[in-house]
């Protein structure tokens, strides 16, 4: 892909797309995402968008390392493989508010930004710390 910024300069980079089979099991989804990210990064991809609703039934508190295994796994994988990861979406619990959140991690593993959609169907979600 060639990215152009107002005709001033061009930057060429390779993007990979990860489409995962989603399981009801959180650990299975995280393992599948990790395997796909590692495979795609070995192919020379520098940006990897993941699917929406990576984890469907478990809200995570992104501020708590032990309460948010997916957030910290994606951050760590971005750092280890020096890639940008667009992390699909994960139910995020922030205080008493619930969001469907997509996080973007840079090659240094740092959070570059996140997009939150208000989660309206709270009945199907429960907070779990796995």
Protein backbone atom coordinates (compact mmCIF):
# COMPACT_ATOMS: atom_id res chain seq x y z
CA UNK A 1 0.00 0.00 0.00
CA UNK A 2 1.28 3.49 -0.77
CA UNK A 3 0.22 6.24 1.60
CA UNK A 4 0.25 9.82 0.31
CA UNK A 5 0.08 12.88 2.55
CA UNK A 6 -1.27 15.74 0.44
CA UNK A 7 1.14 14.93 -2.38
CA UNK A 8 4.11 15.99 -0.22
CA UNK A 9 5.64 12.56 0.22
CA UNK A 10 4.79 8.91 -0.15
CA UNK A 11 5.43 6.06 2.21
CA UNK A 12 5.14 2.46 1.09
CA UNK A 13 4.22 -0.20 3.64
CA UNK A 14 2.76 -3.69 3.83
CA UNK A 15 -0.53 -4.33 5.60
CA UNK A 16 -1.87 -7.69 6.70
CA UNK A 17 -5.46 -8.54 7.58
CA UNK A 18 -6.29 -11.01 10.33
CA UNK A 19 -9.70 -12.67 10.21
CA UNK A 20 -10.13 -15.05 13.11
CA UNK A 21 -12.72 -17.66 13.96
CA UNK A 22 -14.35 -16.39 17.14
CA UNK A 23 -14.98 -18.85 19.95
CA UNK A 24 -17.08 -18.33 23.07
CA UNK A 25 -13.87 -19.00 25.03
CA UNK A 26 -11.76 -15.91 25.75
CA UNK A 27 -8.49 -17.87 26.06
CA UNK A 28 -9.08 -19.56 22.70
CA UNK A 29 -9.66 -16.19 21.00
CA UNK A 30 -6.52 -14.67 22.55
CA UNK A 31 -4.41 -17.67 21.50
CA UNK A 32 -5.82 -17.51 17.97
CA UNK A 33 -5.15 -13.76 17.74
CA UNK A 34 -1.59 -14.21 19.02
CA UNK A 35 -0.86 -16.99 16.52
CA UNK A 36 -2.26 -14.94 13.60
CA UNK A 37 -0.34 -11.81 14.61
CA UNK A 38 2.92 -13.74 14.90
CA UNK A 39 2.38 -15.40 11.51
CA UNK A 40 1.46 -12.13 9.77
CA UNK A 41 4.41 -10.25 11.25
CA UNK A 42 6.80 -12.91 9.88
CA UNK A 43 5.38 -12.17 6.41
CA UNK A 44 6.73 -8.62 6.63
CA UNK A 45 3.48 -6.86 7.50
CA UNK A 46 3.84 -3.66 9.48
CA UNK A 47 0.16 -3.04 10.19
CA UNK A 48 -2.38 -5.63 11.28
CA UNK A 49 -6.07 -4.84 11.73
CA UNK A 50 -8.00 -7.46 13.71
CA UNK A 51 -11.69 -8.24 13.54
CA UNK A 52 -14.40 -6.45 15.45
CA UNK A 53 -15.68 -8.17 18.58
CA UNK A 54 -12.49 -10.08 19.32
CA UNK A 55 -13.88 -10.83 22.77
CA UNK A 56 -17.63 -10.75 22.95
CA UNK A 57 -18.75 -11.64 26.46
CA UNK A 58 -16.06 -10.37 28.82
CA UNK A 59 -15.67 -6.68 29.60
CA UNK A 60 -12.16 -5.59 30.54
CA UNK A 61 -10.81 -2.75 32.65
CA UNK A 62 -7.95 -1.44 30.48
CA UNK A 63 -6.33 0.32 33.46
CA UNK A 64 -5.81 -2.99 35.28
CA UNK A 65 -3.11 -5.24 33.79
CA UNK A 66 -4.65 -8.36 35.34
CA UNK A 67 -8.17 -7.30 34.35
CA UNK A 68 -7.32 -6.78 30.69
CA UNK A 69 -5.31 -9.63 29.18
CA UNK A 70 -6.24 -8.77 25.58
CA UNK A 71 -5.21 -5.11 25.89
CA UNK A 72 -1.81 -6.02 27.30
CA UNK A 73 -1.26 -8.97 24.94
CA UNK A 74 -1.84 -6.76 21.87
CA UNK A 75 0.47 -4.09 23.29
CA UNK A 76 3.20 -6.65 23.97
CA UNK A 77 2.90 -8.26 20.50
CA UNK A 78 3.10 -4.85 18.80
CA UNK A 79 6.32 -4.19 20.72
CA UNK A 80 7.88 -7.64 20.21
CA UNK A 81 7.25 -7.63 16.45
CA UNK A 82 7.68 -3.84 15.91
CA UNK A 83 4.30 -3.57 14.16
CA UNK A 84 1.17 -1.46 14.43
CA UNK A 85 -1.88 -3.40 15.61
CA UNK A 86 -5.43 -2.15 15.17
CA UNK A 87 -7.00 -4.27 17.87
CA UNK A 88 -10.45 -5.08 16.59
CA UNK A 89 -12.83 -4.27 19.39
CA UNK A 90 -13.08 -5.40 22.97
CA UNK A 91 -15.79 -4.65 25.54
CA UNK A 92 -14.17 -2.07 27.84
CA UNK A 93 -15.40 -1.35 31.35
CA UNK A 94 -14.56 2.17 32.54
CA UNK A 95 -16.11 2.80 35.93
CA UNK A 96 -19.76 1.92 35.45
CA UNK A 97 -19.73 2.60 31.69
CA UNK A 98 -19.36 -0.07 29.03
CA UNK A 99 -17.84 0.58 25.60
CA UNK A 100 -17.06 -1.42 22.49
CA UNK A 101 -13.46 -0.19 22.14
CA UNK A 102 -10.91 -0.46 19.34
CA UNK A 103 -7.30 0.23 20.41
CA UNK A 104 -4.36 1.02 18.13
CA UNK A 105 -0.89 0.06 19.37
CA UNK A 106 2.30 1.38 17.75
CA UNK A 107 5.50 -0.56 17.03
CA UNK A 108 6.79 0.48 20.47
CA UNK A 109 3.77 -1.20 22.13
CA UNK A 110 2.31 2.13 23.27
CA UNK A 111 -1.36 2.93 22.86
CA UNK A 112 -1.63 5.39 19.95
CA UNK A 113 -5.36 5.89 20.35
CA UNK A 114 -8.68 4.24 20.83
CA UNK A 115 -12.19 4.56 19.48
CA UNK A 116 -15.10 3.91 21.81
CA UNK A 117 -18.63 3.03 20.80
CA UNK A 118 -21.22 3.12 23.55
CA UNK A 119 -22.31 -0.42 24.33
CA UNK A 120 -26.08 -0.55 24.53
CA UNK A 121 -26.70 -4.25 25.16
CA UNK A 122 -25.18 -4.67 28.60
CA UNK A 123 -27.31 -7.64 29.51
CA UNK A 124 -25.22 -10.08 27.45
CA UNK A 125 -21.89 -8.99 28.91
CA UNK A 126 -20.36 -9.81 32.24
CA UNK A 127 -17.11 -8.68 33.78
CA UNK A 128 -14.55 -11.45 34.09
CA UNK A 129 -10.90 -11.35 35.02
CA UNK A 130 -9.12 -14.20 33.21
